Structure formats: structure tokens, C-alpha cells
């Protein structure tokens, strides 16, 4: 499969901001109570189902991957940014991190007990989200769980030129309505079992939606 063109901008941008990102982004233990609760619930569901390991897709420097492992699941991380993966490996040498894209995962069918996409899909153009969600469905084992978390909006397109302390970036962010994301998950064969929408404030800067979904057995 030919790599989608937007990934080059995402890769280059996160390679550029990687060190500043590590310094500025919170550790999972410092997140707001609802975010921590969704992560804990996801881990409990995956542990109970016993369908396989968890892939943290768009893992960045591995902070959340390590948090999942600390809660008792087998977890590994994948990120499109080689620099992010390098930092993750240095910080968490006991865990596995690889460079890759969620548009074409190098994971076999039905291998995963869980997928975490934690603020990692909003750079994907809306027309390519079905490709990403299809990969989620393909790689999840029947009975496996997905936790998708990210910023949402009313079809907003953000094109920042600098981020994380003024470093240049060239990616775009696509903020879609929660109902549309839920519909796309359903079309991909992933049954949404829970949805949480957090208004700005209480530890989040923009409206955030969290979706718990499951691949039917």
C-alpha cells in the first residue's frame, strides 16, 4: 500500500517536537480523573477478555504504553515518528516500540486483545479514517476492545505552524463530531459500548470524546 501523503508531515513534525513533547505532555498519572478512569476500565476489559496483547497506536514517547503495562497488560507501542520511538525505547527499555503507521499495521489478523488510540487519530484526514478503523477491526481478535480518545469538534480543521514551545510543525488536525466518529466505528464493524464527552476544563483544553468499542465474537 502506498503511504498516504499526510503521514510525511506528521512524521517530520513529531520528529521535530519529540524532545519538547516529552517535557510538556503529562504523565498518565497526572491526567484528569475521567481520562484515568477510561484507561483503567479499558485495561480491566482487556484483562478479563484475555484475547491478546494491547497495541498503543501513536504511542509517542511511550508514557501511556508504560502506564498500561503497569496496570497489568502486555502492551507495546507503534508510532510513525522514528524520534518518538527512539525516546520511548530509551525511557522504557523493557517494552517493545516500533516505527509504523496505523493505516497499514504490520500485525496479523485477530492478534490483539486491545487497541489504544490515545489522541493519535486526529491528524488523519476524515476520508482515510475508514482505512484506519478497518485496520483496527482486522488486527483485533474477536472479543477484543478498542479505546479511542481524542479532540472533537464541528468539522474543524486546524493548521498550526508551531507547537510544543514554538517548534515548527506542518500537520493538520481534523476535529469531527462525536456522532460521526461513532458511525464510522460502527461501519468498520466495531460496536461502540461506551461514550464519554468531556467539555473544556477540568484538565482538558478542548472538547474530548472517548469511545470504548468491541469487535464482536
N, C-alpha and C. Protein backbone atom coordinates (compact mmCIF):
# COMPACT_ATOMS: atom_id res chain seq x y z
N UNK A 1 0.84 -1.20 0.00
CA UNK A 1 0.00 0.00 0.00
C UNK A 1 0.88 1.25 0.00
N UNK A 2 0.56 2.20 -0.88
CA UNK A 2 1.30 3.46 -0.92
C UNK A 2 0.99 4.29 0.33
N UNK A 3 2.02 4.86 0.93
CA UNK A 3 1.81 5.63 2.15
C UNK A 3 1.02 6.90 1.86
N UNK A 4 -0.03 7.18 2.65
CA UNK A 4 -0.77 8.43 2.47
C UNK A 4 0.14 9.64 2.64
N UNK A 5 -0.09 10.67 1.85
CA UNK A 5 0.82 11.82 1.82
C UNK A 5 0.87 12.59 3.13
N UNK A 6 -0.21 12.61 3.89
CA UNK A 6 -0.22 13.40 5.13
C UNK A 6 0.75 12.85 6.17
N UNK A 7 1.11 11.58 6.06
CA UNK A 7 1.96 10.97 7.08
C UNK A 7 3.36 11.58 7.09
N UNK A 8 3.84 12.05 5.96
CA UNK A 8 5.16 12.67 5.91
C UNK A 8 5.19 13.91 6.80
N UNK A 9 4.13 14.72 6.74
CA UNK A 9 4.06 15.92 7.58
C UNK A 9 3.97 15.55 9.05
N UNK A 10 3.20 14.52 9.36
CA UNK A 10 3.07 14.07 10.75
C UNK A 10 4.41 13.56 11.27
N UNK A 11 5.07 12.75 10.47
CA UNK A 11 6.37 12.18 10.87
C UNK A 11 7.40 13.28 11.11
N UNK A 12 7.53 14.17 10.14
CA UNK A 12 8.52 15.23 10.25
C UNK A 12 8.23 16.15 11.44
N UNK A 13 6.96 16.47 11.64
CA UNK A 13 6.59 17.38 12.73
C UNK A 13 6.90 16.77 14.08
N UNK A 14 6.54 15.51 14.27
CA UNK A 14 6.77 14.89 15.58
C UNK A 14 8.23 14.53 15.81
N UNK A 15 8.96 14.28 14.75
CA UNK A 15 10.42 14.16 14.92
C UNK A 15 11.00 15.48 15.44
N UNK A 16 10.46 16.58 14.93
CA UNK A 16 10.96 17.90 15.32
C UNK A 16 10.64 18.25 16.76
N UNK A 17 9.43 17.92 17.20
CA UNK A 17 8.99 18.35 18.54
C UNK A 17 9.20 17.29 19.61
N UNK A 18 9.75 16.14 19.26
CA UNK A 18 9.75 14.98 20.16
C UNK A 18 10.31 15.29 21.54
N UNK A 19 11.47 15.92 21.61
CA UNK A 19 12.08 16.19 22.92
C UNK A 19 11.22 17.14 23.73
N UNK A 20 10.71 18.19 23.12
CA UNK A 20 9.84 19.14 23.82
C UNK A 20 8.53 18.48 24.22
N UNK A 21 8.05 17.57 23.40
CA UNK A 21 6.81 16.85 23.68
C UNK A 21 6.94 16.07 24.99
N UNK A 22 8.05 15.36 25.15
CA UNK A 22 8.27 14.58 26.37
C UNK A 22 8.22 15.47 27.60
N UNK A 23 8.78 16.65 27.49
CA UNK A 23 8.85 17.56 28.63
C UNK A 23 7.49 18.20 28.95
N UNK A 24 6.66 18.41 27.93
CA UNK A 24 5.44 19.19 28.12
C UNK A 24 4.19 18.36 28.31
N UNK A 25 4.16 17.13 27.81
CA UNK A 25 2.95 16.32 27.89
C UNK A 25 2.91 15.57 29.22
N UNK A 26 1.74 15.56 29.83
CA UNK A 26 1.58 14.98 31.16
C UNK A 26 1.82 13.47 31.16
N UNK A 27 2.27 12.98 32.31
CA UNK A 27 2.28 11.55 32.54
C UNK A 27 0.85 11.10 32.81
N UNK A 28 0.51 9.84 32.49
CA UNK A 28 -0.86 9.38 32.69
C UNK A 28 -1.38 9.58 34.11
N UNK A 29 -0.53 9.44 35.10
CA UNK A 29 -0.97 9.62 36.49
C UNK A 29 -1.39 11.06 36.78
N UNK A 30 -0.99 12.00 35.93
CA UNK A 30 -1.33 13.41 36.11
C UNK A 30 -2.57 13.83 35.30
N UNK A 31 -3.15 12.90 34.56
CA UNK A 31 -4.33 13.22 33.76
C UNK A 31 -5.54 13.46 34.66
N UNK A 32 -6.58 14.04 34.07
CA UNK A 32 -7.81 14.27 34.83
C UNK A 32 -8.44 12.93 35.22
N UNK A 33 -9.30 12.91 36.25
CA UNK A 33 -9.87 11.66 36.75
C UNK A 33 -10.63 10.85 35.70
N UNK A 34 -11.37 11.51 34.80
CA UNK A 34 -12.14 10.78 33.81
C UNK A 34 -11.23 10.07 32.81
N UNK A 35 -10.17 10.74 32.39
CA UNK A 35 -9.23 10.10 31.47
C UNK A 35 -8.55 8.90 32.12
N UNK A 36 -8.13 9.07 33.37
CA UNK A 36 -7.52 7.94 34.08
C UNK A 36 -8.51 6.80 34.24
N UNK A 37 -9.76 7.15 34.49
CA UNK A 37 -10.77 6.12 34.67
C UNK A 37 -11.04 5.33 33.40
N UNK A 38 -11.06 6.02 32.25
CA UNK A 38 -11.28 5.32 31.00
C UNK A 38 -10.13 4.36 30.70
N UNK A 39 -8.90 4.80 30.97
CA UNK A 39 -7.75 3.91 30.77
C UNK A 39 -7.84 2.69 31.68
N UNK A 40 -8.21 2.90 32.93
CA UNK A 40 -8.32 1.79 33.87
C UNK A 40 -9.43 0.82 33.46
N UNK A 41 -10.56 1.36 33.00
CA UNK A 41 -11.66 0.50 32.56
C UNK A 41 -11.25 -0.31 31.34
N UNK A 42 -10.55 0.32 30.42
CA UNK A 42 -10.07 -0.37 29.22
C UNK A 42 -9.16 -1.53 29.60
N UNK A 43 -8.23 -1.29 30.50
CA UNK A 43 -7.31 -2.34 30.93
C UNK A 43 -8.08 -3.49 31.58
N UNK A 44 -9.07 -3.17 32.40
CA UNK A 44 -9.85 -4.23 33.05
C UNK A 44 -10.59 -5.08 32.03
N UNK A 45 -11.17 -4.43 31.02
CA UNK A 45 -11.87 -5.18 29.98
C UNK A 45 -10.93 -6.09 29.21
N UNK A 46 -9.75 -5.58 28.86
CA UNK A 46 -8.77 -6.37 28.11
C UNK A 46 -8.28 -7.55 28.95
N UNK A 47 -8.00 -7.30 30.21
CA UNK A 47 -7.51 -8.38 31.09
C UNK A 47 -8.57 -9.45 31.25
N UNK A 48 -9.82 -9.06 31.38
CA UNK A 48 -10.89 -10.02 31.58
C UNK A 48 -11.12 -10.85 30.32
N UNK A 49 -11.06 -10.21 29.16
CA UNK A 49 -11.32 -10.91 27.89
C UNK A 49 -10.21 -11.89 27.54
N UNK A 50 -8.96 -11.56 27.87
CA UNK A 50 -7.82 -12.45 27.61
C UNK A 50 -7.73 -12.85 26.14
N UNK A 51 -7.75 -11.87 25.26
CA UNK A 51 -7.69 -12.15 23.83
C UNK A 51 -6.31 -11.88 23.22
N UNK A 52 -5.42 -11.24 23.98
CA UNK A 52 -4.09 -10.96 23.43
C UNK A 52 -3.54 -9.66 23.96
N UNK A 53 -2.40 -9.22 23.42
CA UNK A 53 -1.74 -8.00 23.92
C UNK A 53 -2.45 -6.74 23.44
N UNK A 54 -2.01 -5.61 23.99
CA UNK A 54 -2.54 -4.30 23.63
C UNK A 54 -1.53 -3.56 22.77
N UNK A 55 -1.98 -3.00 21.66
CA UNK A 55 -1.15 -2.13 20.83
C UNK A 55 -1.53 -0.69 21.11
N UNK A 56 -0.56 0.10 21.54
CA UNK A 56 -0.75 1.54 21.74
C UNK A 56 -0.33 2.22 20.45
N UNK A 57 -1.31 2.62 19.66
CA UNK A 57 -1.05 3.14 18.31
C UNK A 57 -0.94 4.65 18.34
N UNK A 58 0.20 5.16 17.85
CA UNK A 58 0.51 6.57 18.02
C UNK A 58 1.02 6.78 19.44
N UNK A 59 1.94 5.92 19.84
CA UNK A 59 2.36 5.83 21.24
C UNK A 59 3.24 6.99 21.68
N UNK A 60 3.80 7.78 20.73
CA UNK A 60 4.69 8.86 21.13
C UNK A 60 5.87 8.33 21.93
N UNK A 61 6.23 8.99 23.02
CA UNK A 61 7.39 8.57 23.80
C UNK A 61 7.13 7.42 24.76
N UNK A 62 5.96 6.79 24.65
CA UNK A 62 5.71 5.57 25.41
C UNK A 62 5.18 5.73 26.82
N UNK A 63 4.81 6.94 27.19
CA UNK A 63 4.33 7.15 28.56
C UNK A 63 3.07 6.35 28.85
N UNK A 64 2.13 6.37 27.92
CA UNK A 64 0.87 5.65 28.15
C UNK A 64 1.06 4.15 27.97
N UNK A 65 1.92 3.75 27.06
CA UNK A 65 2.24 2.34 26.90
C UNK A 65 2.75 1.76 28.22
N UNK A 66 3.67 2.47 28.85
CA UNK A 66 4.21 2.02 30.13
C UNK A 66 3.14 2.01 31.21
N UNK A 67 2.23 2.98 31.16
CA UNK A 67 1.13 3.02 32.12
C UNK A 67 0.25 1.77 31.97
N UNK A 68 -0.06 1.39 30.75
CA UNK A 68 -0.86 0.19 30.52
C UNK A 68 -0.15 -1.04 31.07
N UNK A 69 1.15 -1.15 30.78
CA UNK A 69 1.91 -2.29 31.28
C UNK A 69 1.92 -2.31 32.80
N UNK A 70 2.01 -1.13 33.42
CA UNK A 70 1.99 -1.06 34.87
C UNK A 70 0.67 -1.47 35.48
N UNK A 71 -0.40 -1.38 34.69
CA UNK A 71 -1.72 -1.81 35.16
C UNK A 71 -1.96 -3.30 34.92
N UNK A 72 -0.99 -3.98 34.30
CA UNK A 72 -1.06 -5.43 34.24
C UNK A 72 -1.40 -6.06 32.91
N UNK A 73 -1.27 -5.32 31.80
CA UNK A 73 -1.49 -5.95 30.50
C UNK A 73 -0.19 -5.96 29.71
N UNK A 74 -0.08 -6.89 28.78
CA UNK A 74 1.05 -6.92 27.87
C UNK A 74 0.82 -5.85 26.82
N UNK A 75 1.69 -4.86 26.74
CA UNK A 75 1.49 -3.72 25.85
C UNK A 75 2.75 -3.41 25.07
N UNK A 76 2.55 -2.95 23.84
CA UNK A 76 3.66 -2.47 23.02
C UNK A 76 3.18 -1.25 22.26
N UNK A 77 4.14 -0.46 21.72
CA UNK A 77 3.79 0.79 21.08
C UNK A 77 4.24 0.86 19.63
N UNK A 78 3.46 1.59 18.83
CA UNK A 78 3.80 1.85 17.43
C UNK A 78 3.60 3.34 17.19
N UNK A 79 4.57 3.96 16.50
CA UNK A 79 4.43 5.38 16.18
C UNK A 79 5.08 5.64 14.82
N UNK A 80 4.55 6.62 14.12
CA UNK A 80 5.07 6.95 12.79
C UNK A 80 6.37 7.74 12.87
N UNK A 81 6.67 8.31 14.04
CA UNK A 81 7.86 9.14 14.23
C UNK A 81 9.03 8.31 14.75
N UNK A 82 10.10 8.15 13.97
CA UNK A 82 11.26 7.42 14.47
C UNK A 82 11.86 8.05 15.73
N UNK A 83 11.86 9.38 15.82
CA UNK A 83 12.41 10.03 17.00
C UNK A 83 11.59 9.71 18.24
N UNK A 84 10.27 9.70 18.12
CA UNK A 84 9.43 9.32 19.25
C UNK A 84 9.72 7.89 19.70
N UNK A 85 9.86 7.00 18.73
CA UNK A 85 10.15 5.60 19.06
C UNK A 85 11.51 5.48 19.74
N UNK A 86 12.48 6.24 19.27
CA UNK A 86 13.81 6.24 19.90
C UNK A 86 13.73 6.66 21.37
N UNK A 87 12.97 7.73 21.64
CA UNK A 87 12.83 8.21 23.01
C UNK A 87 12.05 7.20 23.86
N UNK A 88 11.06 6.56 23.28
CA UNK A 88 10.29 5.56 24.02
C UNK A 88 11.16 4.38 24.42
N UNK A 89 11.99 3.93 23.50
CA UNK A 89 12.88 2.80 23.80
C UNK A 89 13.88 3.15 24.89
N UNK A 90 14.38 4.37 24.88
CA UNK A 90 15.33 4.78 25.91
C UNK A 90 14.66 4.87 27.28
N UNK A 91 13.45 5.40 27.31
CA UNK A 91 12.75 5.59 28.58
C UNK A 91 12.19 4.29 29.14
N UNK A 92 11.84 3.35 28.24
CA UNK A 92 11.18 2.11 28.68
C UNK A 92 11.82 0.92 27.95
N UNK A 93 13.06 0.59 28.30
CA UNK A 93 13.78 -0.46 27.56
C UNK A 93 13.18 -1.85 27.72
N UNK A 94 12.30 -2.02 28.69
CA UNK A 94 11.68 -3.32 28.91
C UNK A 94 10.46 -3.55 28.02
N UNK A 95 10.04 -2.52 27.28
CA UNK A 95 8.87 -2.62 26.41
C UNK A 95 9.28 -2.55 24.94
N UNK A 96 8.38 -2.99 24.07
CA UNK A 96 8.67 -3.03 22.63
C UNK A 96 8.01 -1.84 21.94
N UNK A 97 8.81 -1.14 21.14
CA UNK A 97 8.31 0.00 20.37
C UNK A 97 8.84 -0.12 18.94
N UNK A 98 7.97 0.11 17.96
CA UNK A 98 8.37 0.02 16.57
C UNK A 98 7.80 1.20 15.79
N UNK A 99 8.47 1.51 14.68
CA UNK A 99 8.00 2.55 13.77
C UNK A 99 6.98 1.95 12.81
N UNK A 100 5.85 2.60 12.66
CA UNK A 100 4.83 2.10 11.76
C UNK A 100 3.66 3.05 11.68
N UNK A 101 2.76 2.75 10.78
CA UNK A 101 1.57 3.57 10.56
C UNK A 101 0.31 2.77 10.81
N UNK A 102 -0.67 3.38 11.45
CA UNK A 102 -1.93 2.69 11.71
C UNK A 102 -2.77 2.52 10.44
N UNK A 103 -2.32 3.10 9.32
CA UNK A 103 -3.02 2.87 8.06
C UNK A 103 -2.63 1.53 7.44
N UNK A 104 -1.54 0.94 7.90
CA UNK A 104 -1.08 -0.35 7.36
C UNK A 104 -0.23 -1.02 8.43
N UNK A 105 -0.90 -1.61 9.40
CA UNK A 105 -0.22 -2.20 10.56
C UNK A 105 0.45 -3.52 10.17
N UNK A 106 1.68 -3.69 10.64
CA UNK A 106 2.39 -4.95 10.40
C UNK A 106 2.05 -5.91 11.54
N UNK A 107 0.77 -6.22 11.63
CA UNK A 107 0.23 -7.10 12.66
C UNK A 107 -0.75 -8.04 11.96
N UNK A 108 -0.72 -9.31 12.34
CA UNK A 108 -1.60 -10.27 11.71
C UNK A 108 -3.06 -10.09 12.09
N UNK A 109 -3.92 -10.78 11.37
CA UNK A 109 -5.34 -10.73 11.66
C UNK A 109 -5.64 -11.31 13.05
N UNK A 110 -6.54 -10.68 13.77
CA UNK A 110 -7.07 -11.21 15.04
C UNK A 110 -6.01 -11.43 16.11
N UNK A 111 -4.93 -10.64 16.09
CA UNK A 111 -3.83 -10.87 17.03
C UNK A 111 -3.96 -10.11 18.34
N UNK A 112 -4.70 -9.02 18.37
CA UNK A 112 -4.67 -8.11 19.51
C UNK A 112 -5.87 -8.27 20.43
N UNK A 113 -5.59 -8.21 21.71
CA UNK A 113 -6.68 -8.18 22.67
C UNK A 113 -7.21 -6.78 22.88
N UNK A 114 -6.39 -5.79 22.57
CA UNK A 114 -6.82 -4.41 22.74
C UNK A 114 -6.03 -3.47 21.86
N UNK A 115 -6.67 -2.37 21.50
CA UNK A 115 -6.01 -1.27 20.79
C UNK A 115 -6.32 0.01 21.53
N UNK A 116 -5.28 0.79 21.81
CA UNK A 116 -5.44 2.12 22.36
C UNK A 116 -5.01 3.13 21.31
N UNK A 117 -5.90 4.05 20.99
CA UNK A 117 -5.57 5.18 20.11
C UNK A 117 -5.85 6.43 20.93
N UNK A 118 -4.82 6.92 21.60
CA UNK A 118 -4.95 7.98 22.61
C UNK A 118 -4.44 9.29 22.01
N UNK A 119 -5.37 10.13 21.56
CA UNK A 119 -5.03 11.40 20.90
C UNK A 119 -4.09 11.17 19.71
N UNK A 120 -4.37 10.14 18.92
CA UNK A 120 -3.45 9.79 17.84
C UNK A 120 -4.10 9.68 16.47
N UNK A 121 -5.40 9.90 16.35
CA UNK A 121 -6.04 9.76 15.05
C UNK A 121 -6.52 11.09 14.47
N UNK A 122 -6.39 12.19 15.21
CA UNK A 122 -6.95 13.45 14.73
C UNK A 122 -6.16 14.06 13.57
N UNK A 123 -4.95 13.59 13.32
CA UNK A 123 -4.22 14.07 12.14
C UNK A 123 -4.62 13.33 10.87
N UNK A 124 -5.43 12.30 11.00
CA UNK A 124 -5.87 11.52 9.84
C UNK A 124 -6.99 12.25 9.11
N UNK A 125 -6.84 12.52 7.82
CA UNK A 125 -7.94 13.13 7.07
C UNK A 125 -9.21 12.29 7.19
N UNK A 126 -10.37 12.91 7.32
CA UNK A 126 -11.61 12.16 7.52
C UNK A 126 -11.85 11.06 6.50
N UNK A 127 -11.48 11.29 5.25
CA UNK A 127 -11.73 10.29 4.23
C UNK A 127 -10.88 9.04 4.40
N UNK A 128 -9.82 9.12 5.23
CA UNK A 128 -8.96 7.96 5.48
C UNK A 128 -9.25 7.28 6.81
N UNK A 129 -10.13 7.85 7.62
CA UNK A 129 -10.47 7.20 8.89
C UNK A 129 -11.04 5.79 8.68
N UNK A 130 -11.87 5.55 7.64
CA UNK A 130 -12.32 4.16 7.43
C UNK A 130 -11.18 3.18 7.21
N UNK A 131 -10.08 3.63 6.60
CA UNK A 131 -8.91 2.76 6.42
C UNK A 131 -8.31 2.41 7.77
N UNK A 132 -8.16 3.42 8.62
CA UNK A 132 -7.59 3.21 9.95
C UNK A 132 -8.49 2.30 10.78
N UNK A 133 -9.77 2.58 10.78
CA UNK A 133 -10.70 1.77 11.59
C UNK A 133 -10.79 0.34 11.06
N UNK A 134 -10.63 0.17 9.76
CA UNK A 134 -10.61 -1.18 9.20
C UNK A 134 -9.38 -1.95 9.69
N UNK A 135 -8.26 -1.27 9.84
CA UNK A 135 -7.07 -1.91 10.41
C UNK A 135 -7.29 -2.28 11.87
N UNK A 136 -7.98 -1.41 12.60
CA UNK A 136 -8.31 -1.75 13.98
C UNK A 136 -9.12 -3.05 14.01
N UNK A 137 -10.14 -3.12 13.16
CA UNK A 137 -11.02 -4.30 13.14
C UNK A 137 -10.24 -5.55 12.71
N UNK A 138 -9.40 -5.40 11.71
CA UNK A 138 -8.65 -6.55 11.20
C UNK A 138 -7.73 -7.15 12.25
N UNK A 139 -7.04 -6.31 12.99
CA UNK A 139 -6.00 -6.80 13.91
C UNK A 139 -6.55 -7.18 15.27
N UNK A 140 -7.72 -6.67 15.64
CA UNK A 140 -8.32 -7.07 16.91
C UNK A 140 -8.85 -8.50 16.83
N UNK A 141 -8.63 -9.24 17.89
CA UNK A 141 -9.24 -10.56 17.98
C UNK A 141 -10.73 -10.41 18.25
N UNK A 142 -11.55 -11.37 17.82
CA UNK A 142 -12.96 -11.34 18.21
C UNK A 142 -13.08 -11.25 19.73
N UNK A 143 -13.88 -10.31 20.19
CA UNK A 143 -13.98 -10.07 21.63
C UNK A 143 -12.96 -9.07 22.14
N UNK A 144 -12.07 -8.56 21.25
CA UNK A 144 -11.08 -7.58 21.65
C UNK A 144 -11.69 -6.19 21.78
N UNK A 145 -10.98 -5.31 22.49
CA UNK A 145 -11.51 -3.99 22.82
C UNK A 145 -10.65 -2.87 22.25
N UNK A 146 -11.32 -1.77 21.91
CA UNK A 146 -10.68 -0.54 21.45
C UNK A 146 -11.04 0.60 22.38
N UNK A 147 -10.04 1.41 22.74
CA UNK A 147 -10.29 2.68 23.39
C UNK A 147 -9.74 3.77 22.49
N UNK A 148 -10.64 4.59 21.97
CA UNK A 148 -10.29 5.70 21.09
C UNK A 148 -10.57 7.00 21.82
N UNK A 149 -9.55 7.84 21.98
CA UNK A 149 -9.69 9.10 22.70
C UNK A 149 -9.10 10.21 21.85
N UNK A 150 -9.80 11.34 21.77
CA UNK A 150 -9.25 12.45 21.02
C UNK A 150 -10.14 13.68 21.06
N UNK A 151 -9.59 14.77 20.55
CA UNK A 151 -10.35 16.01 20.47
C UNK A 151 -11.42 15.90 19.38
N UNK A 152 -12.55 16.52 19.64
CA UNK A 152 -13.64 16.54 18.67
C UNK A 152 -14.11 17.97 18.47
N UNK A 153 -14.89 18.17 17.40
CA UNK A 153 -15.40 19.49 17.10
C UNK A 153 -16.44 19.40 15.99
N UNK A 154 -16.81 20.53 15.47
CA UNK A 154 -17.82 20.60 14.43
C UNK A 154 -17.15 20.76 13.07
N UNK A 155 -16.50 19.68 12.63
CA UNK A 155 -15.76 19.70 11.35
C UNK A 155 -14.72 20.81 11.31
N UNK A 156 -13.95 20.92 12.38
CA UNK A 156 -12.91 21.95 12.44
C UNK A 156 -11.62 21.43 11.82
N UNK A 157 -10.94 22.29 11.10
CA UNK A 157 -9.64 21.98 10.54
C UNK A 157 -8.63 22.96 11.11
N UNK A 158 -7.66 22.44 11.83
CA UNK A 158 -6.63 23.27 12.45
C UNK A 158 -5.31 23.03 11.73
N UNK A 159 -4.62 24.13 11.41
CA UNK A 159 -3.32 24.03 10.75
C UNK A 159 -2.30 24.89 11.51
N UNK A 160 -1.84 24.41 12.64
CA UNK A 160 -0.84 25.19 13.38
C UNK A 160 0.48 25.20 12.64
N UNK A 161 1.24 26.24 12.85
CA UNK A 161 2.57 26.31 12.25
C UNK A 161 3.67 26.08 13.29
N UNK A 162 3.31 26.23 14.56
CA UNK A 162 4.27 25.98 15.65
C UNK A 162 3.55 25.31 16.81
N UNK A 163 4.32 24.50 17.55
CA UNK A 163 3.73 23.77 18.67
C UNK A 163 4.82 23.35 19.64
N UNK A 164 4.39 23.01 20.85
CA UNK A 164 5.30 22.48 21.87
C UNK A 164 6.54 23.36 22.06
N UNK A 165 6.26 24.62 22.42
CA UNK A 165 7.35 25.54 22.70
C UNK A 165 7.85 26.29 21.49
N UNK A 166 7.05 26.37 20.44
CA UNK A 166 7.43 27.16 19.28
C UNK A 166 8.14 26.43 18.18
N UNK A 167 8.17 25.11 18.22
CA UNK A 167 8.83 24.34 17.16
C UNK A 167 7.94 24.30 15.92
N UNK A 168 8.52 24.35 14.73
CA UNK A 168 7.71 24.35 13.51
C UNK A 168 7.05 22.99 13.27
N UNK A 169 5.80 23.02 12.87
CA UNK A 169 5.07 21.81 12.53
C UNK A 169 4.29 22.06 11.23
N UNK A 170 3.95 20.99 10.54
CA UNK A 170 3.23 21.13 9.27
C UNK A 170 2.03 20.20 9.17
N UNK A 171 1.66 19.54 10.28
CA UNK A 171 0.50 18.66 10.24
C UNK A 171 -0.80 19.45 10.35
N UNK A 172 -1.91 18.78 10.06
CA UNK A 172 -3.25 19.34 10.25
C UNK A 172 -3.99 18.47 11.26
N UNK A 173 -4.94 19.08 11.95
CA UNK A 173 -5.80 18.35 12.87
C UNK A 173 -7.24 18.46 12.40
N UNK A 174 -7.92 17.34 12.35
CA UNK A 174 -9.31 17.28 11.89
C UNK A 174 -10.19 16.92 13.09
N UNK A 175 -11.03 17.85 13.52
CA UNK A 175 -11.87 17.63 14.69
C UNK A 175 -13.30 17.39 14.22
N UNK A 176 -13.74 16.15 14.30
CA UNK A 176 -15.05 15.75 13.80
C UNK A 176 -16.05 15.61 14.94
N UNK A 177 -17.35 15.68 14.64
CA UNK A 177 -18.37 15.48 15.68
C UNK A 177 -18.32 14.06 16.23
N UNK A 178 -18.59 13.87 17.52
CA UNK A 178 -18.58 12.53 18.10
C UNK A 178 -19.52 11.55 17.39
N UNK A 179 -20.69 12.02 16.98
CA UNK A 179 -21.64 11.12 16.31
C UNK A 179 -21.06 10.55 15.02
N UNK A 180 -20.30 11.36 14.29
CA UNK A 180 -19.72 10.86 13.05
C UNK A 180 -18.65 9.81 13.33
N UNK A 181 -17.84 10.04 14.35
CA UNK A 181 -16.82 9.05 14.71
C UNK A 181 -17.48 7.74 15.13
N UNK A 182 -18.55 7.83 15.91
CA UNK A 182 -19.25 6.62 16.34
C UNK A 182 -19.82 5.87 15.14
N UNK A 183 -20.33 6.62 14.16
CA UNK A 183 -20.88 5.99 12.96
C UNK A 183 -19.80 5.29 12.16
N UNK A 184 -18.63 5.92 12.04
CA UNK A 184 -17.53 5.31 11.30
C UNK A 184 -17.03 4.04 12.00
N UNK A 185 -16.97 4.06 13.32
CA UNK A 185 -16.58 2.86 14.05
C UNK A 185 -17.58 1.73 13.81
N UNK A 186 -18.86 2.07 13.84
CA UNK A 186 -19.90 1.07 13.61
C UNK A 186 -19.80 0.48 12.20
N UNK A 187 -19.54 1.34 11.21
CA UNK A 187 -19.41 0.87 9.83
C UNK A 187 -18.22 -0.06 9.67
N UNK A 188 -17.18 0.14 10.50
CA UNK A 188 -15.99 -0.71 10.45
C UNK A 188 -16.20 -2.04 11.17
N UNK A 189 -17.37 -2.22 11.76
CA UNK A 189 -17.65 -3.47 12.46
C UNK A 189 -17.25 -3.46 13.92
N UNK A 190 -17.02 -2.26 14.47
CA UNK A 190 -16.64 -2.12 15.87
C UNK A 190 -17.83 -1.56 16.64
N UNK A 191 -18.35 -2.33 17.57
CA UNK A 191 -19.55 -1.95 18.30
C UNK A 191 -19.18 -1.03 19.46
N UNK A 192 -19.69 0.20 19.42
CA UNK A 192 -19.41 1.15 20.49
C UNK A 192 -20.20 0.74 21.73
N UNK A 193 -19.50 0.52 22.82
CA UNK A 193 -20.13 0.09 24.07
C UNK A 193 -20.23 1.20 25.11
N UNK A 194 -19.43 2.25 24.95
CA UNK A 194 -19.47 3.38 25.88
C UNK A 194 -18.92 4.60 25.19
N UNK A 195 -19.48 5.77 25.58
CA UNK A 195 -19.01 7.03 25.01
C UNK A 195 -18.98 8.08 26.12
N UNK A 196 -17.91 8.83 26.18
CA UNK A 196 -17.76 9.90 27.18
C UNK A 196 -17.30 11.16 26.46
N UNK A 197 -18.04 12.25 26.64
CA UNK A 197 -17.66 13.53 26.05
C UNK A 197 -17.37 14.50 27.19
N UNK A 198 -16.15 15.04 27.20
CA UNK A 198 -15.71 15.98 28.23
C UNK A 198 -15.64 17.38 27.66
N UNK A 199 -16.31 18.30 28.31
CA UNK A 199 -16.25 19.70 27.90
C UNK A 199 -14.90 20.29 28.30
N UNK A 200 -14.48 21.37 27.66
CA UNK A 200 -13.22 22.02 28.05
C UNK A 200 -13.23 22.40 29.53
N UNK A 201 -12.07 22.29 30.14
CA UNK A 201 -11.96 22.50 31.58
C UNK A 201 -11.68 21.18 32.26
N UNK A 202 -11.46 21.23 33.56
CA UNK A 202 -11.19 20.01 34.33
C UNK A 202 -10.05 19.20 33.73
N UNK A 203 -9.02 19.92 33.28
CA UNK A 203 -7.83 19.23 32.80
C UNK A 203 -7.77 19.02 31.31
N UNK A 204 -8.81 19.41 30.55
CA UNK A 204 -8.77 19.28 29.09
C UNK A 204 -9.01 20.64 28.46
N UNK A 205 -8.24 20.95 27.39
CA UNK A 205 -8.30 22.28 26.78
C UNK A 205 -9.42 22.40 25.75
N UNK A 206 -9.74 21.31 25.07
CA UNK A 206 -10.80 21.29 24.07
C UNK A 206 -11.77 20.16 24.40
N UNK A 207 -12.89 20.12 23.72
CA UNK A 207 -13.82 19.03 23.92
C UNK A 207 -13.17 17.71 23.51
N UNK A 208 -13.27 16.73 24.38
CA UNK A 208 -12.65 15.42 24.17
C UNK A 208 -13.73 14.35 24.19
N UNK A 209 -13.63 13.41 23.27
CA UNK A 209 -14.53 12.26 23.27
C UNK A 209 -13.73 10.98 23.43
N UNK A 210 -14.24 10.10 24.26
CA UNK A 210 -13.64 8.77 24.45
C UNK A 210 -14.67 7.73 24.06
N UNK A 211 -14.23 6.79 23.24
CA UNK A 211 -15.11 5.70 22.79
C UNK A 211 -14.52 4.37 23.20
N UNK A 212 -15.32 3.56 23.86
CA UNK A 212 -14.97 2.17 24.10
C UNK A 212 -15.74 1.35 23.08
N UNK A 213 -15.04 0.52 22.34
CA UNK A 213 -15.69 -0.29 21.31
C UNK A 213 -15.15 -1.73 21.39
N UNK A 214 -15.89 -2.63 20.77
CA UNK A 214 -15.54 -4.04 20.84
C UNK A 214 -15.76 -4.70 19.50
N UNK A 215 -14.84 -5.60 19.12
CA UNK A 215 -15.04 -6.40 17.93
C UNK A 215 -15.89 -7.60 18.30
N UNK A 216 -17.06 -7.74 17.71
CA UNK A 216 -17.94 -8.85 18.09
C UNK A 216 -17.29 -10.22 17.89
N UNK A 217 -17.68 -11.15 18.72
CA UNK A 217 -17.16 -12.52 18.59
C UNK A 217 -17.91 -13.25 17.50
